[in-house]
């Protein structure tokens, strides 16, 4: 069987934890950040889990997981 290719955009946007959860960063983290309050900027720092409906699509883009 040929090897499957990893989607490079998905590789940079998602990370898989040791327990198998797929985590992502919120959008809008860097653009127009000067006018946001400090509290709002802190909320962007957290990684949040991906919705269950999207998990199968992302697993297909990342066939071997992430190292």
Protein backbone atom coordinates (compact mmCIF):
# COMPACT_ATOMS: atom_id res chain seq x y z
CA UNK A 1 0.00 0.00 0.00
CA UNK A 2 1.23 3.53 -0.69
CA UNK A 3 1.74 5.92 2.16
CA UNK A 4 -0.97 8.50 2.91
CA UNK A 5 0.00 12.15 2.82
CA UNK A 6 -0.56 14.46 5.77
CA UNK A 7 -2.46 17.67 5.04
CA UNK A 8 0.09 20.37 5.91
CA UNK A 9 -2.51 23.01 6.79
CA UNK A 10 -4.20 20.67 9.23
CA UNK A 11 -0.85 19.68 10.71
CA UNK A 12 -0.10 23.29 11.64
CA UNK A 13 -3.59 24.03 13.02
CA UNK A 14 -4.34 20.97 15.15
CA UNK A 15 -2.48 18.98 17.76
CA UNK A 16 -3.36 15.58 19.19
CA UNK A 17 -2.90 15.06 22.93
CA UNK A 18 -1.55 11.92 24.53
CA UNK A 19 -5.07 10.75 25.30
CA UNK A 20 -6.13 11.20 21.65
CA UNK A 21 -8.07 14.45 21.89
CA UNK A 22 -7.72 16.84 18.95
CA UNK A 23 -7.09 20.39 20.11
CA UNK A 24 -7.26 23.64 18.17
CA UNK A 25 -6.59 27.35 18.70
CA UNK A 26 -9.38 29.90 18.40
CA UNK A 27 -9.51 31.99 15.24
CA UNK A 28 -8.85 35.72 15.24
CA UNK A 29 -5.88 35.50 17.55
CA UNK A 30 -3.50 37.82 15.75
CA UNK A 31 -5.46 40.09 13.41
CA UNK A 32 -6.61 43.47 14.83
CA UNK A 33 -5.35 42.53 18.26
CA UNK A 34 -4.42 46.02 19.46
CA UNK A 35 -7.97 47.14 20.05
CA UNK A 36 -8.97 44.04 22.03
CA UNK A 37 -8.89 44.11 25.82
CA UNK A 38 -6.29 42.17 27.77
CA UNK A 39 -8.93 39.74 29.01
CA UNK A 40 -10.07 38.99 25.47
CA UNK A 41 -6.48 38.44 24.34
CA UNK A 42 -5.91 35.99 27.18
CA UNK A 43 -8.92 33.95 26.10
CA UNK A 44 -7.24 33.30 22.75
CA UNK A 45 -4.24 31.58 24.43
CA UNK A 46 -6.14 28.42 25.39
CA UNK A 47 -6.31 25.33 23.23
CA UNK A 48 -9.88 24.03 22.96
CA UNK A 49 -11.07 20.59 21.86
CA UNK A 50 -12.50 20.06 18.39
CA UNK A 51 -16.23 19.37 18.07
CA UNK A 52 -17.11 15.65 17.77
CA UNK A 53 -18.70 16.19 14.35
CA UNK A 54 -15.40 17.44 12.89
CA UNK A 55 -13.17 14.84 14.54
CA UNK A 56 -13.50 12.23 11.78
CA UNK A 57 -12.69 14.76 9.05
CA UNK A 58 -9.53 15.89 10.83
CA UNK A 59 -8.43 12.31 11.51
CA UNK A 60 -8.61 11.72 7.76
CA UNK A 61 -6.38 14.75 7.12
CA UNK A 62 -3.88 13.55 9.75
CA UNK A 63 -3.58 9.81 9.03
CA UNK A 64 -0.59 9.18 11.29
CA UNK A 65 -1.41 11.65 14.02
CA UNK A 66 1.08 14.30 15.09
CA UNK A 67 4.42 13.86 16.73
